[in-house]
Amino acid sequence: MTCRRLKAWLSQNCIIFDERTVDEEPSAVDEFKALGYQMLPTAVVDGVAIAGFHSEWSDRIKQLKELLGFEDEDEDEDEDIDEYE
């Protein structure tokens, strides 16, 4: 379910992304492990991996915004994770 939330957030914010599905792509599993990632979903921006969207949604979204160059805007820091179901 968390993967869907992340994809929904990316889409809602008009962020183009390449999805790798470890459930359906054996090569994605190998790539994931080779890069040392251990938690799904993992977002990788310019070689920087952000993982662990489960309980730390707001922190991870903030990190993604910084990596993607979002402008600082007056926003709710505690974005509701249920919004992206």
Protein backbone atom coordinates (compact mmCIF):
# COMPACT_ATOMS: atom_id res chain seq x y z
CA MET A 1 0.00 0.00 0.00
CA THR A 2 2.84 2.42 0.75
CA CYS A 3 4.20 2.04 -2.78
CA ARG A 4 0.84 3.17 -4.13
CA ARG A 5 0.90 6.19 -1.84
CA LEU A 6 4.35 7.20 -3.02
CA LYS A 7 3.39 6.77 -6.68
CA ALA A 8 0.22 8.81 -6.09
CA TRP A 9 2.23 11.60 -4.48
CA LEU A 10 4.75 11.64 -7.32
CA SER A 11 1.97 11.69 -9.93
CA GLN A 12 -0.01 14.37 -8.12
CA ASN A 13 3.10 16.55 -8.09
CA CYS A 14 3.75 15.94 -11.81
CA ILE A 15 7.02 14.12 -11.14
CA ILE A 16 8.00 11.70 -13.87
CA PHE A 17 9.43 8.53 -12.43
CA ASP A 18 10.70 5.15 -13.55
CA GLU A 19 8.98 2.43 -11.59
CA ARG A 20 10.78 -0.80 -10.84
CA THR A 21 8.52 -3.50 -9.43
CA VAL A 22 10.41 -6.09 -7.43
CA ASP A 23 7.34 -8.35 -7.34
CA GLU A 24 7.26 -8.58 -11.13
CA GLU A 25 10.84 -7.93 -12.31
CA PRO A 26 13.57 -10.32 -11.17
CA SER A 27 16.18 -7.86 -12.48
CA ALA A 28 14.72 -5.16 -10.23
CA VAL A 29 15.30 -7.36 -7.20
CA ASP A 30 18.92 -7.90 -8.22
CA GLU A 31 19.41 -4.17 -8.84
CA PHE A 32 17.79 -3.29 -5.54
CA LYS A 33 20.03 -5.67 -3.60
CA ALA A 34 23.19 -4.69 -5.51
CA LEU A 35 22.67 -1.06 -4.59
CA GLY A 36 22.33 -2.02 -0.93
CA TYR A 37 18.72 -0.94 -0.51
CA GLN A 38 16.82 -2.79 2.17
CA MET A 39 13.42 -1.15 2.46
CA LEU A 40 10.54 -0.66 0.06
CA PRO A 41 9.50 1.61 -1.38
CA THR A 42 12.77 3.32 -2.15
CA ALA A 43 12.93 6.51 -4.18
CA VAL A 44 16.24 7.31 -5.84
CA VAL A 45 16.92 10.88 -6.99
CA ASP A 46 20.28 11.68 -8.56
CA GLY A 47 21.81 8.65 -6.87
CA VAL A 48 20.44 9.54 -3.43
CA ALA A 49 18.13 6.86 -2.02
CA ILE A 50 15.26 7.64 0.31
CA ALA A 51 13.53 4.68 1.88
CA GLY A 52 11.19 4.01 4.75
CA PHE A 53 8.01 5.83 3.83
CA HIS A 54 5.93 3.72 6.23
CA SER A 55 6.00 5.58 9.53
CA GLU A 56 8.13 8.53 8.44
CA TRP A 57 6.03 9.76 5.51
CA SER A 58 6.35 13.50 6.24
CA ASP A 59 10.11 13.34 6.72
CA ARG A 60 10.64 11.32 3.55
CA ILE A 61 8.42 13.57 1.46
CA LYS A 62 10.34 16.58 2.79
CA GLN A 63 13.60 14.91 1.70
CA LEU A 64 12.18 14.17 -1.74
CA LYS A 65 11.03 17.78 -2.11
CA GLU A 66 14.51 19.02 -1.25
CA LEU A 67 16.18 16.64 -3.72
CA LEU A 68 13.69 17.54 -6.44
CA GLY A 69 14.17 21.27 -5.88
CA PHE A 70 10.69 22.14 -4.66
CA GLU A 71 10.40 25.74 -3.59
CA ASP A 72 9.82 26.37 0.11
CA GLU A 73 6.14 27.01 0.42
CA ASP A 74 3.72 27.48 3.24
CA GLU A 75 2.65 23.88 3.67
CA ASP A 76 1.42 21.50 6.27
CA GLU A 77 4.58 19.80 7.54
CA ASP A 78 2.61 16.77 8.71
CA GLU A 79 1.16 15.76 5.36
CA ASP A 80 -1.63 13.27 5.87
CA ILE A 81 -0.54 9.91 4.48
CA ASP A 82 -4.16 8.89 3.92
CA GLU A 83 -4.48 11.63 1.30
CA TYR A 84 -2.43 9.47 -1.09
CA GLU A 85 -4.36 6.20 -0.92
